[in-house]
Amino acid sequence: MKSTDLRDGRGRVVTFDSLIRTVSLVLLIALQIGIVGFMTIWAIGGLLHLDWQVSAGLGLILAVPSLWVIWRTAVWVYAAETDPQNN
């Protein structure tokens, strides 16, 4: 069963399948980034015997670049999945 193609203003092919693939890939990569970030905070906190408040602050500092990487990944995945040459 083929999804109907909807084209947005930039010539992208947006189908239900491409949106599902985009969301799935972004969630997979975001989960991996989150796990690495959590394990980094856990390792640094354990090594330096940090209190939970300091670990939470370290988590906030690490969250900003992590969210930026997740956002850029979402943009790149959407561009790749809806590129007319890939469909």
PDB file of N, CA and C in Angstrom:
ATOM      1  N   MET A   1       0.840  -1.159   0.000  1.00  0.00           N
ATOM      2  CA  MET A   1       0.000   0.000   0.000  1.00  0.00           C
ATOM      3  C   MET A   1       0.897   1.238   0.000  1.00  0.00           C
ATOM      4  N   LYS A   2       0.818   2.028  -1.022  1.00  0.00           N
ATOM      5  CA  LYS A   2       1.671   3.204  -1.152  1.00  0.00           C
ATOM      6  C   LYS A   2       0.966   4.418  -0.591  1.00  0.00           C
ATOM      7  N   SER A   3       1.744   5.210   0.168  1.00  0.00           N
ATOM      8  CA  SER A   3       1.190   6.438   0.726  1.00  0.00           C
ATOM      9  C   SER A   3       1.097   7.497  -0.359  1.00  0.00           C
ATOM     10  N   THR A   4       0.155   8.371  -0.216  1.00  0.00           N
ATOM     11  CA  THR A   4       0.051   9.471  -1.172  1.00  0.00           C
ATOM     12  C   THR A   4       1.138  10.491  -0.883  1.00  0.00           C
ATOM     13  N   ASP A   5       1.704  11.047  -1.926  1.00  0.00           N
ATOM     14  CA  ASP A   5       2.783  12.011  -1.783  1.00  0.00           C
ATOM     15  C   ASP A   5       2.204  13.408  -1.609  1.00  0.00           C
ATOM     16  N   LEU A   6       2.701  14.109  -0.638  1.00  0.00           N
ATOM     17  CA  LEU A   6       2.360  15.510  -0.426  1.00  0.00           C
ATOM     18  C   LEU A   6       3.653  16.295  -0.555  1.00  0.00           C
ATOM     19  N   ARG A   7       3.649  17.302  -1.371  1.00  0.00           N
ATOM     20  CA  ARG A   7       4.858  18.096  -1.557  1.00  0.00           C
ATOM     21  C   ARG A   7       4.708  19.415  -0.828  1.00  0.00           C
ATOM     22  N   ASP A   8       5.735  19.735  -0.037  1.00  0.00           N
ATOM     23  CA  ASP A   8       5.711  21.043   0.603  1.00  0.00           C
ATOM     24  C   ASP A   8       6.342  22.064  -0.344  1.00  0.00           C
ATOM     25  N   GLY A   9       6.514  23.287   0.098  1.00  0.00           N
ATOM     26  CA  GLY A   9       6.960  24.377  -0.767  1.00  0.00           C
ATOM     27  C   GLY A   9       8.365  24.220  -1.327  1.00  0.00           C
ATOM     28  N   ARG A  10       9.200  23.377  -0.726  1.00  0.00           N
ATOM     29  CA  ARG A  10      10.580  23.221  -1.172  1.00  0.00           C
ATOM     30  C   ARG A  10      10.775  22.001  -2.055  1.00  0.00           C
ATOM     31  N   GLY A  11       9.729  21.369  -2.468  1.00  0.00           N
ATOM     32  CA  GLY A  11       9.853  20.202  -3.324  1.00  0.00           C
ATOM     33  C   GLY A  11      10.140  18.919  -2.567  1.00  0.00           C
ATOM     34  N   ARG A  12       9.979  18.905  -1.272  1.00  0.00           N
ATOM     35  CA  ARG A  12      10.199  17.703  -0.467  1.00  0.00           C
ATOM     36  C   ARG A  12       9.005  16.764  -0.622  1.00  0.00           C
ATOM     37  N   VAL A  13       9.282  15.474  -0.592  1.00  0.00           N
ATOM     38  CA  VAL A  13       8.233  14.471  -0.647  1.00  0.00           C
ATOM     39  C   VAL A  13       7.929  14.045   0.784  1.00  0.00           C
ATOM     40  N   VAL A  14       6.767  14.428   1.262  1.00  0.00           N
ATOM     41  CA  VAL A  14       6.384  14.131   2.643  1.00  0.00           C
ATOM     42  C   VAL A  14       5.287  13.075   2.610  1.00  0.00           C
ATOM     43  N   THR A  15       5.636  11.877   3.053  1.00  0.00           N
ATOM     44  CA  THR A  15       4.664  10.791   3.143  1.00  0.00           C
ATOM     45  C   THR A  15       4.569  10.348   4.601  1.00  0.00           C
ATOM     46  N   PHE A  16       3.561   9.572   4.884  1.00  0.00           N
ATOM     47  CA  PHE A  16       3.420   9.024   6.231  1.00  0.00           C
ATOM     48  C   PHE A  16       4.627   8.166   6.585  1.00  0.00           C
ATOM     49  N   ASP A  17       5.103   7.382   5.625  1.00  0.00           N
ATOM     50  CA  ASP A  17       6.258   6.515   5.858  1.00  0.00           C
ATOM     51  C   ASP A  17       7.514   7.327   6.159  1.00  0.00           C
ATOM     52  N   SER A  18       7.725   8.405   5.422  1.00  0.00           N
ATOM     53  CA  SER A  18       8.934   9.201   5.659  1.00  0.00           C
ATOM     54  C   SER A  18       8.873   9.901   7.019  1.00  0.00           C
ATOM     55  N   LEU A  19       7.685  10.314   7.432  1.00  0.00           N
ATOM     56  CA  LEU A  19       7.562  10.932   8.753  1.00  0.00           C
ATOM     57  C   LEU A  19       7.791   9.929   9.871  1.00  0.00           C
ATOM     58  N   ILE A  20       7.280   8.714   9.706  1.00  0.00           N
ATOM     59  CA  ILE A  20       7.502   7.664  10.709  1.00  0.00           C
ATOM     60  C   ILE A  20       8.976   7.316  10.794  1.00  0.00           C
ATOM     61  N   ARG A  21       9.642   7.203   9.656  1.00  0.00           N
ATOM     62  CA  ARG A  21      11.081   6.920   9.667  1.00  0.00           C
ATOM     63  C   ARG A  21      11.858   8.051  10.324  1.00  0.00           C
ATOM     64  N   THR A  22      11.459   9.288  10.052  1.00  0.00           N
ATOM     65  CA  THR A  22      12.138  10.437  10.646  1.00  0.00           C
ATOM     66  C   THR A  22      11.995  10.423  12.161  1.00  0.00           C
ATOM     67  N   VAL A  23      10.797  10.247  12.640  1.00  0.00           N
ATOM     68  CA  VAL A  23      10.569  10.227  14.091  1.00  0.00           C
ATOM     69  C   VAL A  23      11.316   9.059  14.734  1.00  0.00           C
ATOM     70  N   SER A  24      11.300   7.904  14.094  1.00  0.00           N
ATOM     71  CA  SER A  24      11.974   6.733  14.656  1.00  0.00           C
ATOM     72  C   SER A  24      13.478   6.945  14.754  1.00  0.00           C
ATOM     73  N   LEU A  25      14.066   7.470  13.707  1.00  0.00           N
ATOM     74  CA  LEU A  25      15.512   7.696  13.726  1.00  0.00           C
ATOM     75  C   LEU A  25      15.911   8.755  14.744  1.00  0.00           C
ATOM     76  N   VAL A  26      15.137   9.820  14.821  1.00  0.00           N
ATOM     77  CA  VAL A  26      15.463  10.878  15.787  1.00  0.00           C
ATOM     78  C   VAL A  26      15.325  10.347  17.212  1.00  0.00           C
ATOM     79  N   LEU A  27      14.292   9.564  17.493  1.00  0.00           N
ATOM     80  CA  LEU A  27      14.138   8.990  18.832  1.00  0.00           C
ATOM     81  C   LEU A  27      15.269   8.034  19.164  1.00  0.00           C
ATOM     82  N   LEU A  28      15.689   7.231  18.201  1.00  0.00           N
ATOM     83  CA  LEU A  28      16.788   6.305  18.427  1.00  0.00           C
ATOM     84  C   LEU A  28      18.074   7.059  18.764  1.00  0.00           C
ATOM     85  N   ILE A  29      18.397   8.056  17.976  1.00  0.00           N
ATOM     86  CA  ILE A  29      19.632   8.808  18.198  1.00  0.00           C
ATOM     87  C   ILE A  29      19.535   9.641  19.474  1.00  0.00           C
ATOM     88  N   ALA A  30      18.375  10.226  19.748  1.00  0.00           N
ATOM     89  CA  ALA A  30      18.201  11.006  20.976  1.00  0.00           C
ATOM     90  C   ALA A  30      18.347  10.122  22.208  1.00  0.00           C
ATOM     91  N   LEU A  31      17.838   8.907  22.136  1.00  0.00           N
ATOM     92  CA  LEU A  31      17.984   7.978  23.250  1.00  0.00           C
ATOM     93  C   LEU A  31      19.450   7.650  23.487  1.00  0.00           C
ATOM     94  N   GLN A  32      20.192   7.429  22.426  1.00  0.00           N
ATOM     95  CA  GLN A  32      21.623   7.134  22.565  1.00  0.00           C
ATOM     96  C   GLN A  32      22.384   8.322  23.151  1.00  0.00           C
ATOM     97  N   ILE A  33      22.064   9.515  22.700  1.00  0.00           N
ATOM     98  CA  ILE A  33      22.709  10.713  23.237  1.00  0.00           C
ATOM     99  C   ILE A  33      22.365  10.882  24.714  1.00  0.00           C
ATOM    100  N   GLY A  34      21.112  10.639  25.074  1.00  0.00           N
ATOM    101  CA  GLY A  34      20.701  10.731  26.469  1.00  0.00           C
ATOM    102  C   GLY A  34      21.405   9.719  27.360  1.00  0.00           C
ATOM    103  N   ILE A  35      21.566   8.502  26.872  1.00  0.00           N
ATOM    104  CA  ILE A  35      22.260   7.470  27.646  1.00  0.00           C
ATOM    105  C   ILE A  35      23.716   7.856  27.858  1.00  0.00           C
ATOM    106  N   VAL A  36      24.378   8.319  26.815  1.00  0.00           N
ATOM    107  CA  VAL A  36      25.780   8.721  26.939  1.00  0.00           C
ATOM    108  C   VAL A  36      25.904   9.907  27.899  1.00  0.00           C
ATOM    109  N   GLY A  37      24.993  10.864  27.804  1.00  0.00           N
ATOM    110  CA  GLY A  37      25.033  12.006  28.717  1.00  0.00           C
ATOM    111  C   GLY A  37      24.823  11.589  30.164  1.00  0.00           C
ATOM    112  N   PHE A  38      23.842  10.729  30.404  1.00  0.00           N
ATOM    113  CA  PHE A  38      23.581  10.261  31.764  1.00  0.00           C
ATOM    114  C   PHE A  38      24.769   9.491  32.319  1.00  0.00           C
ATOM    115  N   MET A  39      25.347   8.618  31.500  1.00  0.00           N
ATOM    116  CA  MET A  39      26.489   7.832  31.970  1.00  0.00           C
ATOM    117  C   MET A  39      27.707   8.714  32.208  1.00  0.00           C
ATOM    118  N   THR A  40      27.864   9.774  31.426  1.00  0.00           N
ATOM    119  CA  THR A  40      28.969  10.709  31.650  1.00  0.00           C
ATOM    120  C   THR A  40      28.806  11.426  32.983  1.00  0.00           C
ATOM    121  N   ILE A  41      27.596  11.907  33.251  1.00  0.00           N
ATOM    122  CA  ILE A  41      27.334  12.590  34.520  1.00  0.00           C
ATOM    123  C   ILE A  41      27.508  11.623  35.692  1.00  0.00           C
ATOM    124  N   TRP A  42      27.029  10.412  35.538  1.00  0.00           N
ATOM    125  CA  TRP A  42      27.156   9.412  36.586  1.00  0.00           C
ATOM    126  C   TRP A  42      28.627   9.094  36.853  1.00  0.00           C
ATOM    127  N   ALA A  43      29.426   8.948  35.801  1.00  0.00           N
ATOM    128  CA  ALA A  43      30.842   8.618  35.966  1.00  0.00           C
ATOM    129  C   ALA A  43      31.613   9.769  36.607  1.00  0.00           C
ATOM    130  N   ILE A  44      31.385  10.982  36.145  1.00  0.00           N
ATOM    131  CA  ILE A  44      32.084  12.139  36.714  1.00  0.00           C
ATOM    132  C   ILE A  44      31.648  12.366  38.158  1.00  0.00           C
ATOM    133  N   GLY A  45      30.353  12.248  38.416  1.00  0.00           N
ATOM    134  CA  GLY A  45      29.857  12.412  39.780  1.00  0.00           C
ATOM    135  C   GLY A  45      30.404  11.364  40.731  1.00  0.00           C
ATOM    136  N   GLY A  46      30.506  10.134  40.265  1.00  0.00           N
ATOM    137  CA  GLY A  46      31.063   9.077  41.102  1.00  0.00           C
ATOM    138  C   GLY A  46      32.555   9.214  41.314  1.00  0.00           C
ATOM    139  N   LEU A  47      33.256   9.605  40.277  1.00  0.00           N
ATOM    140  CA  LEU A  47      34.706   9.753  40.376  1.00  0.00           C
ATOM    141  C   LEU A  47      35.106  10.888  41.311  1.00  0.00           C
ATOM    142  N   LEU A  48      34.368  12.001  41.228  1.00  0.00           N
ATOM    143  CA  LEU A  48      34.698  13.172  42.032  1.00  0.00           C
ATOM    144  C   LEU A  48      33.875  13.277  43.310  1.00  0.00           C
ATOM    145  N   HIS A  49      33.028  12.280  43.594  1.00  0.00           N
ATOM    146  CA  HIS A  49      32.167  12.257  44.785  1.00  0.00           C
ATOM    147  C   HIS A  49      31.343  13.538  44.901  1.00  0.00           C
ATOM    148  N   LEU A  50      30.636  13.877  43.820  1.00  0.00           N
ATOM    149  CA  LEU A  50      29.849  15.103  43.783  1.00  0.00           C
ATOM    150  C   LEU A  50      28.483  14.886  44.425  1.00  0.00           C
ATOM    151  N   ASP A  51      27.953  15.924  45.044  1.00  0.00           N
ATOM    152  CA  ASP A  51      26.592  15.877  45.573  1.00  0.00           C
ATOM    153  C   ASP A  51      25.605  15.884  44.409  1.00  0.00           C
ATOM    154  N   TRP A  52      24.350  15.588  44.724  1.00  0.00           N
ATOM    155  CA  TRP A  52      23.354  15.519  43.652  1.00  0.00           C
ATOM    156  C   TRP A  52      23.096  16.892  43.051  1.00  0.00           C
ATOM    157  N   GLN A  53      23.264  17.962  43.826  1.00  0.00           N
ATOM    158  CA  GLN A  53      23.043  19.307  43.292  1.00  0.00           C
ATOM    159  C   GLN A  53      24.092  19.656  42.241  1.00  0.00           C
ATOM    160  N   VAL A  54      25.322  19.295  42.514  1.00  0.00           N
ATOM    161  CA  VAL A  54      26.399  19.556  41.549  1.00  0.00           C
ATOM    162  C   VAL A  54      26.217  18.685  40.316  1.00  0.00           C
ATOM    163  N   SER A  55      25.807  17.442  40.515  1.00  0.00           N
ATOM    164  CA  SER A  55      25.551  16.555  39.380  1.00  0.00           C
ATOM    165  C   SER A  55      24.396  17.073  38.527  1.00  0.00           C
ATOM    166  N   ALA A  56      23.372  17.627  39.169  1.00  0.00           N
ATOM    167  CA  ALA A  56      22.252  18.209  38.424  1.00  0.00           C
ATOM    168  C   ALA A  56      22.712  19.421  37.621  1.00  0.00           C
ATOM    169  N   GLY A  57      23.570  20.247  38.213  1.00  0.00           N
ATOM    170  CA  GLY A  57      24.127  21.388  37.479  1.00  0.00           C
ATOM    171  C   GLY A  57      24.966  20.939  36.305  1.00  0.00           C
ATOM    172  N   LEU A  58      25.751  19.888  36.504  1.00  0.00           N
ATOM    173  CA  LEU A  58      26.542  19.327  35.410  1.00  0.00           C
ATOM    174  C   LEU A  58      25.627  18.782  34.313  1.00  0.00           C
ATOM    175  N   GLY A  59      24.511  18.200  34.733  1.00  0.00           N
ATOM    176  CA  GLY A  59      23.533  17.701  33.759  1.00  0.00           C
ATOM    177  C   GLY A  59      22.926  18.814  32.934  1.00  0.00           C
ATOM    178  N   LEU A  60      22.642  19.944  33.573  1.00  0.00           N
ATOM    179  CA  LEU A  60      22.105  21.088  32.835  1.00  0.00           C
ATOM    180  C   LEU A  60      23.127  21.645  31.845  1.00  0.00           C
ATOM    181  N   ILE A  61      24.383  21.676  32.278  1.00  0.00           N
ATOM    182  CA  ILE A  61      25.435  22.159  31.382  1.00  0.00           C
ATOM    183  C   ILE A  61      25.576  21.222  30.187  1.00  0.00           C
ATOM    184  N   LEU A  62      25.478  19.920  30.426  1.00  0.00           N
ATOM    185  CA  LEU A  62      25.617  18.941  29.351  1.00  0.00           C
ATOM    186  C   LEU A  62      24.362  18.867  28.480  1.00  0.00           C
ATOM    187  N   ALA A  63      23.217  19.271  29.014  1.00  0.00           N
ATOM    188  CA  ALA A  63      21.955  19.177  28.273  1.00  0.00           C
ATOM    189  C   ALA A  63      21.908  20.142  27.090  1.00  0.00           C
ATOM    190  N   VAL A  64      22.534  21.305  27.228  1.00  0.00           N
ATOM    191  CA  VAL A  64      22.459  22.304  26.156  1.00  0.00           C
ATOM    192  C   VAL A  64      23.097  21.799  24.859  1.00  0.00           C
ATOM    193  N   PRO A  65      24.350  21.330  24.863  1.00  0.00           N
ATOM    194  CA  PRO A  65      24.896  20.817  23.601  1.00  0.00           C
ATOM    195  C   PRO A  65      24.204  19.539  23.130  1.00  0.00           C
ATOM    196  N   SER A  66      23.716  18.745  24.083  1.00  0.00           N
ATOM    197  CA  SER A  66      23.006  17.520  23.688  1.00  0.00           C
ATOM    198  C   SER A  66      21.716  17.848  22.937  1.00  0.00           C
ATOM    199  N   LEU A  67      20.977  18.827  23.433  1.00  0.00           N
ATOM    200  CA  LEU A  67      19.747  19.225  22.745  1.00  0.00           C
ATOM    201  C   LEU A  67      20.046  19.828  21.373  1.00  0.00           C
ATOM    202  N   TRP A  68      21.145  20.556  21.269  1.00  0.00           N
ATOM    203  CA  TRP A  68      21.532  21.109  19.976  1.00  0.00           C
ATOM    204  C   TRP A  68      21.853  19.995  18.989  1.00  0.00           C
ATOM    205  N   VAL A  69      22.579  18.968  19.433  1.00  0.00           N
ATOM    206  CA  VAL A  69      22.913  17.832  18.562  1.00  0.00           C
ATOM    207  C   VAL A  69      21.647  17.090  18.144  1.00  0.00           C
ATOM    208  N   ILE A  70      20.717  16.914  19.066  1.00  0.00           N
ATOM    209  CA  ILE A  70      19.459  16.241  18.733  1.00  0.00           C
ATOM    210  C   ILE A  70      18.673  17.060  17.712  1.00  0.00           C
ATOM    211  N   TRP A  71      18.630  18.377  17.882  1.00  0.00           N
ATOM    212  CA  TRP A  71      17.930  19.245  16.940  1.00  0.00           C
ATOM    213  C   TRP A  71      18.564  19.164  15.548  1.00  0.00           C
ATOM    214  N   ARG A  72      19.883  19.255  15.472  1.00  0.00           N
ATOM    215  CA  ARG A  72      20.562  19.182  14.176  1.00  0.00           C
ATOM    216  C   ARG A  72      20.340  17.816  13.530  1.00  0.00           C
ATOM    217  N   THR A  73      20.344  16.776  14.341  1.00  0.00           N
ATOM    218  CA  THR A  73      20.078  15.433  13.818  1.00  0.00           C
ATOM    219  C   THR A  73      18.674  15.350  13.245  1.00  0.00           C
ATOM    220  N   ALA A  74      17.702  15.934  13.931  1.00  0.00           N
ATOM    221  CA  ALA A  74      16.326  15.924  13.437  1.00  0.00           C
ATOM    222  C   ALA A  74      16.225  16.654  12.100  1.00  0.00           C
ATOM    223  N   VAL A  75      16.901  17.771  11.977  1.00  0.00           N
ATOM    224  CA  VAL A  75      16.868  18.524  10.721  1.00  0.00           C
ATOM    225  C   VAL A  75      17.507  17.714   9.598  1.00  0.00           C
ATOM    226  N   TRP A  76      18.656  17.107   9.873  1.00  0.00           N
ATOM    227  CA  TRP A  76      19.343  16.329   8.842  1.00  0.00           C
ATOM    228  C   TRP A  76      18.550  15.093   8.437  1.00  0.00           C
ATOM    229  N   VAL A  77      17.956  14.417   9.415  1.00  0.00           N
ATOM    230  CA  VAL A  77      17.164  13.222   9.105  1.00  0.00           C
ATOM    231  C   VAL A  77      15.937  13.596   8.280  1.00  0.00           C
ATOM    232  N   TYR A  78      15.258  14.679   8.645  1.00  0.00           N
ATOM    233  CA  TYR A  78      14.099  15.119   7.863  1.00  0.00           C
ATOM    234  C   TYR A  78      14.508  15.461   6.434  1.00  0.00           C
ATOM    235  N   ALA A  79      15.633  16.142   6.286  1.00  0.00           N
ATOM    236  CA  ALA A  79      16.100  16.501   4.950  1.00  0.00           C
ATOM    237  C   ALA A  79      16.425  15.256   4.132  1.00  0.00           C
ATOM    238  N   ALA A  80      17.028  14.276   4.761  1.00  0.00           N
ATOM    239  CA  ALA A  80      17.400  13.059   4.036  1.00  0.00           C
ATOM    240  C   ALA A  80      16.175  12.202   3.699  1.00  0.00           C
ATOM    241  N   GLU A  81      15.252  12.090   4.644  1.00  0.00           N
ATOM    242  CA  GLU A  81      14.082  11.218   4.419  1.00  0.00           C
ATOM    243  C   GLU A  81      13.082  11.814   3.439  1.00  0.00           C
ATOM    244  N   THR A  82      13.025  13.112   3.314  1.00  0.00           N
ATOM    245  CA  THR A  82      12.055  13.720   2.412  1.00  0.00           C
ATOM    246  C   THR A  82      12.675  14.230   1.113  1.00  0.00           C
ATOM    247  N   ASP A  83      13.941  13.915   0.897  1.00  0.00           N
ATOM    248  CA  ASP A  83      14.604  14.304  -0.344  1.00  0.00           C
ATOM    249  C   ASP A  83      13.995  13.532  -1.512  1.00  0.00           C
ATOM    250  N   PRO A  84      13.595  14.223  -2.575  1.00  0.00           N
ATOM    251  CA  PRO A  84      12.963  13.527  -3.704  1.00  0.00           C
ATOM    252  C   PRO A  84      13.862  12.476  -4.349  1.00  0.00           C
ATOM    253  N   GLN A  85      15.165  12.622  -4.266  1.00  0.00           N
ATOM    254  CA  GLN A  85      16.064  11.647  -4.876  1.00  0.00           C
ATOM    255  C   GLN A  85      16.102  10.341  -4.097  1.00  0.00           C
ATOM    256  N   ASN A  86      15.696  10.371  -2.833  1.00  0.00           N
ATOM    257  CA  ASN A  86      15.701   9.149  -2.009  1.00  0.00           C
ATOM    258  C   ASN A  86      14.390   8.388  -2.081  1.00  0.00           C
ATOM    259  N   ASN A  87      13.403   8.913  -2.780  1.00  0.00           N
ATOM    260  CA  ASN A  87      12.089   8.258  -2.817  1.00  0.00           C
ATOM    261  C   ASN A  87      11.810   7.665  -4.164  1.00  0.00           C
TER     262      ASN A  87
END
